[in-house]
Protein backbone atom coordinates (compact mmCIF):
# COMPACT_ATOMS: atom_id res chain seq x y z
CA MET A 1 5.33 -0.38 6.80
CA ASN A 2 7.94 2.17 5.72
CA SER A 3 7.14 4.06 2.51
CA THR A 4 10.36 2.68 1.00
CA ASP A 5 9.43 -0.97 1.72
CA ALA A 6 7.73 -1.29 -1.68
CA ASN A 7 10.82 -0.06 -3.54
CA ARG A 8 12.94 -2.51 -5.51
CA SER A 9 16.50 -2.64 -6.75
CA LEU A 10 17.22 -1.40 -10.25
CA THR A 11 17.55 -4.13 -12.82
CA THR A 12 20.88 -4.50 -14.56
CA ALA A 13 19.36 -2.91 -17.69
CA GLU A 14 17.89 0.04 -15.74
CA ARG A 15 21.19 0.70 -13.97
CA ALA A 16 23.13 0.47 -17.25
CA LEU A 17 20.75 2.92 -18.95
CA ALA A 18 20.87 5.43 -16.08
CA ARG A 19 24.68 5.20 -15.90
CA TRP A 20 24.99 5.69 -19.68
CA MET A 21 22.63 8.70 -19.59
CA LEU A 22 24.57 10.34 -16.75
CA GLU A 23 27.98 9.62 -18.29
CA ASN A 24 26.89 11.03 -21.67
CA GLY A 25 24.96 14.05 -20.41
CA PRO A 26 26.31 17.49 -19.58
CA PRO A 27 29.24 17.63 -17.11
CA GLU A 28 26.91 18.31 -14.16
CA ALA A 29 25.20 14.93 -14.71
CA ARG A 30 28.29 12.96 -13.65
CA ALA A 31 27.91 14.31 -10.11
CA PHE A 32 24.83 12.07 -9.76
CA LEU A 33 26.67 8.80 -10.51
CA GLU A 34 27.34 8.29 -6.79
CA GLN A 35 23.61 8.60 -6.02
CA LEU A 36 22.87 5.97 -8.66
CA ASN A 37 24.70 3.44 -6.46
CA GLU A 38 22.06 4.05 -3.76
CA ALA A 39 19.03 4.28 -6.07
CA GLU A 40 15.95 2.11 -5.83
CA VAL A 41 12.89 2.13 -8.11
CA THR A 42 9.64 3.23 -6.47
CA PRO A 43 6.36 1.40 -7.15
CA TRP A 44 4.95 4.47 -9.02
CA ARG A 45 3.74 3.74 -12.54
CA CYS A 46 2.84 6.36 -15.14
CA PRO A 47 -0.89 6.29 -15.94
CA CYS A 48 -0.16 6.40 -19.69
CA GLY A 49 1.49 2.96 -19.53
CA CYS A 50 4.97 4.15 -20.55
CA ALA A 51 8.12 2.67 -19.02
CA SER A 52 9.11 5.76 -16.99
CA ILE A 53 10.54 5.03 -13.53
CA ASN A 54 11.08 7.11 -10.42
CA PHE A 55 14.00 6.68 -8.03
CA GLN A 56 14.30 6.84 -4.28
CA ILE A 57 17.87 7.34 -3.07
CA LYS A 58 18.61 5.37 0.11
CA GLY A 59 19.19 7.67 3.08
CA ARG A 60 17.69 10.72 1.35
CA PRO A 61 14.22 12.23 1.50
CA ALA A 62 11.84 11.71 -1.40
CA THR A 63 12.62 13.76 -4.48
CA PRO A 64 10.87 17.15 -4.22
CA PRO A 65 8.46 18.23 -6.96
CA GLY A 66 10.07 19.59 -10.10
CA VAL A 67 12.35 18.32 -12.81
CA HIS A 68 15.82 19.40 -13.85
CA ILE A 69 16.92 17.38 -16.87
CA LEU A 70 20.44 15.94 -16.68
CA GLY A 71 20.44 14.35 -20.14
CA ASP A 72 17.83 14.23 -22.93
CA TYR A 73 18.07 11.69 -25.75
CA LEU A 74 16.24 10.23 -28.72
CA CYS A 75 15.45 6.53 -28.90
CA GLY A 76 13.41 4.17 -31.02
CA PRO A 77 13.37 3.83 -34.79
CA LEU A 78 14.11 6.87 -36.96
CA ASP A 79 10.61 6.75 -38.48
CA ALA A 80 8.91 6.68 -35.05
CA PRO A 81 11.30 8.30 -32.56
CA ALA A 82 10.66 8.71 -28.87
CA GLY A 83 12.55 10.55 -26.18
CA ALA A 84 14.11 9.64 -22.85
CA PHE A 85 15.60 11.85 -20.17
CA ILE A 86 17.13 11.37 -16.75
CA PHE A 87 16.34 14.02 -14.16
CA GLU A 88 17.00 15.35 -10.69
CA SER A 89 15.14 17.67 -8.37
CA GLY A 90 16.55 19.49 -5.36
CA GLY A 91 19.90 17.78 -5.84
CA VAL A 92 18.36 14.29 -5.69
CA LEU A 93 18.40 11.90 -8.67
CA GLY A 94 14.72 11.51 -9.56
CA GLY A 95 14.27 8.97 -12.35
CA ILE A 96 14.05 8.28 -16.06
CA GLU A 97 11.18 9.57 -18.16
CA VAL A 98 10.32 8.23 -21.61
CA TYR A 99 7.95 10.13 -23.87
CA SER A 100 6.29 10.10 -27.24
CA LEU A 101 7.29 12.18 -30.24
CA GLY A 102 4.19 11.45 -32.31
CA SER A 103 3.51 7.79 -31.60
CA ASP A 104 2.89 5.84 -28.39
CA ALA A 105 5.35 6.41 -25.57
CA PRO A 106 7.73 3.47 -25.13
CA SER A 107 6.37 0.64 -22.97
CA ALA A 108 9.94 -0.53 -22.30
CA LEU A 109 13.02 1.47 -21.41
CA PRO A 110 15.48 1.91 -24.29
CA ARG A 111 18.88 0.30 -24.32
CA PRO A 112 22.00 2.44 -24.72
CA PRO A 113 23.48 3.91 -26.73
CA LEU A 114 20.82 6.55 -27.38
CA ARG A 115 20.99 9.40 -29.87
CA PRO A 116 21.61 13.01 -28.80
CA PHE A 117 18.50 15.17 -28.79
CA GLY A 118 18.95 17.99 -31.27
């Protein structure tokens, strides 16, 4: 069994979120839109139970360790905000991370539009 056999296609909502994050991030983020067309979601799940997902880009090696943020946003209600960022490593689109800002990390990915961080 190939290590990519357990991967799945992005859902419509996941693809829309990733596209929105790349299109609304810094100019360098747009360069990763082409990779998004070849992205799959790996079976990895964060041990904290959050909705973060990792990507595998068809035809490319696994994303190397490390994170370079391509767009960082706020999501959730104003009284209990959370964060979400899309990242790359070694020139390969890596995934979407959601995180807590004082409450539980989101158990579902946010829907765009998100709010700018800072």
